[in-house]
Amino acid sequence: MGATDRIIRIVLAALFSVLYFTGTITGTAGLVLLVLGGVFLATSLISYCPLYSLVGLNTCPKK
């Protein structure tokens, strides 16, 4: 996973958390976004996305 991809995932995870904890998005949609944000954060911290492996996508400039 490339650096740009990791940064975008971290920013999205932070945005989803803020939207949920401020009450802007609530209910099922809020919980889905919160879980998705957690997945984005986890995959960016470990620099690996299982979905990318399944579809053969690589955003890392080095091989």
C-alpha atoms as a PDB file:
ATOM      1  CA  MET A   1       0.000   0.000   0.000  1.00  0.00           C
ATOM      2  CA  GLY A   2       1.409   3.375  -1.002  1.00  0.00           C
ATOM      3  CA  ALA A   3       1.825   6.383   1.271  1.00  0.00           C
ATOM      4  CA  THR A   4      -0.935   8.363  -0.445  1.00  0.00           C
ATOM      5  CA  ASP A   5      -3.371   5.485  -0.030  1.00  0.00           C
ATOM      6  CA  ARG A   6      -2.494   5.200   3.672  1.00  0.00           C
ATOM      7  CA  ILE A   7      -2.974   8.935   4.257  1.00  0.00           C
ATOM      8  CA  ILE A   8      -6.353   8.946   2.501  1.00  0.00           C
ATOM      9  CA  ARG A   9      -7.517   6.000   4.614  1.00  0.00           C
ATOM     10  CA  ILE A  10      -6.427   7.685   7.855  1.00  0.00           C
ATOM     11  CA  VAL A  11      -8.172  10.933   6.906  1.00  0.00           C
ATOM     12  CA  LEU A  12     -11.370   9.064   6.004  1.00  0.00           C
ATOM     13  CA  ALA A  13     -11.244   7.088   9.258  1.00  0.00           C
ATOM     14  CA  ALA A  14     -10.896  10.335  11.224  1.00  0.00           C
ATOM     15  CA  LEU A  15     -13.735  11.954   9.265  1.00  0.00           C
ATOM     16  CA  PHE A  16     -16.063   8.988   9.840  1.00  0.00           C
ATOM     17  CA  SER A  17     -15.254   9.035  13.562  1.00  0.00           C
ATOM     18  CA  VAL A  18     -15.957  12.754  13.850  1.00  0.00           C
ATOM     19  CA  LEU A  19     -19.247  12.401  11.975  1.00  0.00           C
ATOM     20  CA  TYR A  20     -20.334   9.565  14.256  1.00  0.00           C
ATOM     21  CA  PHE A  21     -19.222  10.997  17.605  1.00  0.00           C
ATOM     22  CA  THR A  22     -20.649  14.462  16.920  1.00  0.00           C
ATOM     23  CA  GLY A  23     -24.015  12.901  16.131  1.00  0.00           C
ATOM     24  CA  THR A  24     -24.073  14.099  12.530  1.00  0.00           C
ATOM     25  CA  ILE A  25     -24.617  10.543  11.309  1.00  0.00           C
ATOM     26  CA  THR A  26     -26.427   8.182  13.656  1.00  0.00           C
ATOM     27  CA  GLY A  27     -28.121   4.818  13.627  1.00  0.00           C
ATOM     28  CA  THR A  28     -27.158   2.016  11.310  1.00  0.00           C
ATOM     29  CA  ALA A  29     -25.426   4.301   8.812  1.00  0.00           C
ATOM     30  CA  GLY A  30     -23.299   5.770  11.592  1.00  0.00           C
ATOM     31  CA  LEU A  31     -22.276   2.363  12.870  1.00  0.00           C
ATOM     32  CA  VAL A  32     -21.422   1.166   9.366  1.00  0.00           C
ATOM     33  CA  LEU A  33     -19.229   4.232   8.807  1.00  0.00           C
ATOM     34  CA  LEU A  34     -17.577   3.760  12.205  1.00  0.00           C
ATOM     35  CA  VAL A  35     -16.721   0.129  11.428  1.00  0.00           C
ATOM     36  CA  LEU A  36     -15.514   1.080   7.949  1.00  0.00           C
ATOM     37  CA  GLY A  37     -13.322   3.769   9.500  1.00  0.00           C
ATOM     38  CA  GLY A  38     -11.863   1.170  11.852  1.00  0.00           C
ATOM     39  CA  VAL A  39     -11.058  -1.095   8.926  1.00  0.00           C
ATOM     40  CA  PHE A  40      -9.463   1.802   7.043  1.00  0.00           C
ATOM     41  CA  LEU A  41      -7.355   2.707  10.075  1.00  0.00           C
ATOM     42  CA  ALA A  42      -6.262  -0.885  10.690  1.00  0.00           C
ATOM     43  CA  THR A  43      -5.309  -1.525   7.068  1.00  0.00           C
ATOM     44  CA  SER A  44      -3.373   1.730   6.873  1.00  0.00           C
ATOM     45  CA  LEU A  45      -1.440   0.945  10.064  1.00  0.00           C
ATOM     46  CA  ILE A  46      -0.405  -2.513   8.866  1.00  0.00           C
ATOM     47  CA  SER A  47       0.087  -1.325   5.238  1.00  0.00           C
ATOM     48  CA  TYR A  48      -1.852  -4.256   3.839  1.00  0.00           C
ATOM     49  CA  CYS A  49      -5.310  -4.478   2.327  1.00  0.00           C
ATOM     50  CA  PRO A  50      -6.697  -7.992   1.775  1.00  0.00           C
ATOM     51  CA  LEU A  51      -9.182  -6.688  -0.786  1.00  0.00           C
ATOM     52  CA  TYR A  52      -6.324  -5.324  -2.910  1.00  0.00           C
ATOM     53  CA  SER A  53      -4.758  -8.793  -2.958  1.00  0.00           C
ATOM     54  CA  LEU A  54      -8.016 -10.343  -4.152  1.00  0.00           C
ATOM     55  CA  VAL A  55      -8.419  -7.946  -7.081  1.00  0.00           C
ATOM     56  CA  GLY A  56      -4.704  -7.667  -7.865  1.00  0.00           C
ATOM     57  CA  LEU A  57      -4.398  -3.955  -7.107  1.00  0.00           C
ATOM     58  CA  ASN A  58      -1.118  -2.476  -5.882  1.00  0.00           C
ATOM     59  CA  THR A  59      -0.717   1.197  -4.904  1.00  0.00           C
ATOM     60  CA  CYS A  60       2.863   0.883  -3.666  1.00  0.00           C
ATOM     61  CA  PRO A  61       5.362   2.512  -6.036  1.00  0.00           C
ATOM     62  CA  LYS A  62       8.109  -0.024  -5.122  1.00  0.00           C
ATOM     63  CA  LYS A  63       7.765  -3.635  -6.072  1.00  0.00           C
END
